[in-house]
Amino acid sequence: MLSLGVGKIRKREIRQDYLYSYLLLASQELGNEIDKGMLGNLGTRLCLGCLAKTSEQILGNDEAKTNFGQKGRLIINNNPAVGSVEENVNLRTPFLPDVKIGSNRTIFDYMGFLHDLGKASKKSPYYNISFYDEQRFDFEVDFLEYIRSRVHPKFLYLGEPSFVLHNPDGEKWLRIELITDSNQNILIFSPLKQNRQKFLAMMLYNFIAMQRVYPEIGHTVIYADRLLYESLEFSKLQNKQVHYLKEYTNPLYGNIRSAMWRKLMIECDEKAFGPVTPSPESEALLEMISKDSNLSGELWLKRAHCILELLKMQSYINAFGMKGLSGDSLKNQTEMVTIQALLTMKSLKNNFEKIVLDTFPPKFIWILGMESTLGLGVDSRSPNVEDLKSVLRESSEYNVFFIVSAATMEDTSTMRVVFTHVLCSDLQGSHQNQIKTGDEYPDTCADILGIYFNSSWESNKCRKFKKMKFEEEI
């Protein structure tokens, strides 16, 4: 059976349709596809063999569990709210075996009839759907083969969905679609290490396939969980920096601030390409560094002036470690940041052109094992958590995206708001509360499936998909 995109149908529409016509909904499995309020408006329920819990959700009783694994046995219940087995009507649906039917026709004749019906249906609106095989696995080689021809700098493919997916471009796999907006970060969350490892590998394989077409995309990998890092093939990622860090201190503090540097340079050129009168301070600074850096001329003088002025703003004072400094200490730190910004601008292609957001390719910062990082997940300190949250909140506005893995967010749950995209699995009640899924988290989920939670969706925020299977799991 197939799920016909029921998440797009509102309860009000069901009530309206009930007055004028009949609405038929079908789903291969009952999870997040049909919310509880909508299900309450469906009085007639039909259920094939399934697990007891699913049977109770549909029929109001667990009787369909007795048909689990049996072909064609169907139970109808017109009063599921009562939950009585006496309300069940047992039927046996027609079943066509793969043998000759009668003297002249086989199952293939019936398949031909269905094909002709499908061609005729194209004259009316229809869904271009494919059948979901719950027994088929997507191994690493299949996963890599699928994504290799579909690379996009802001699309990260997850796997085959357990529902009918209707994308305008015809894509049949569920994917993360990143946009240049706040909080567009990815959280890999599961108490089971093998799930975190698998989700991270799926992300990594997307980027490995992507770098053939987009070699300019950069990565910074920061890991506190050494075993997790070594279990993944980050060596195949070309444009990267790697840092091992157990504590949220200055090294991490600097490595995660790529977006602030981009913001500083963009805001600098917004001013520098307009009327600017350089200060004596900026003239002296540029003269001091021009001999070694070849930074000279009116544009670089205006840029130096604009950066020095911007660094007086509180947001930059906090971001670049100048809070609490005064006198020569403040002057030296301000000059050091200014020089680094100018040298970075000098290293850019077409550095005499105005720097805008499109100047910068996407960059991804990985933090592996947030729960193992001292000052965050271990001996958590509120200022550290709030600081990292402020960095993640606006980074994606400047094409810098974070991919963070965690086994628990007990001490960092306030950071949940900066992750629009969450890949998760095997979450109990306490874990669901930590990432605030509410009633969206499905009651059941097969081992083969993972869950993608997107907090920006209006409904059906949790959607299931087939996780990639490692070759050694065969």
Foldseek 3Di string as FASTA:
>chain_A
DAFPQQFVPDLVNCVVCVVPHDDDGDAPADWFSADLSNLVSDQKFKDAADQQVRCCSGQVGRVSVVRHPPPQWMWIARHSVVSDPVRIDIDGHDDFDQDADPDPHGVVVVVVVVVVVVVVCVVDDDDPWDDDDPPDAFAPVNLLVVLLVPADQFKQFFFAFSHADDDPVPDRTDIGGADLAFLAAEEEEALDLVSSLQVVQSRVSSQLSRCVPVVQAAEEEEEQPVVSVVVHPCVSNDRYHYYYAQAPDDVVLVVLQPLVLLVLQQQLLVQLVDDDDADPVLVVLCVVCCVPQVQDDSSSSSSLRSSLVVCVDPVNCVSQVNPPDDDPVNVVSSSVSSVVSSSVLVPQPPSVDRRDLVSHAAYEYEYEEQLRHHCANNVPDVVSLVVVLVSLRNSSNSRYYYYYYYHACPRNLVSLSSHQKYKYDDDDPVRCVSNVPPSLGTPDDDPQKIWIAGNPDPGSRITIHGGHDYPVVD
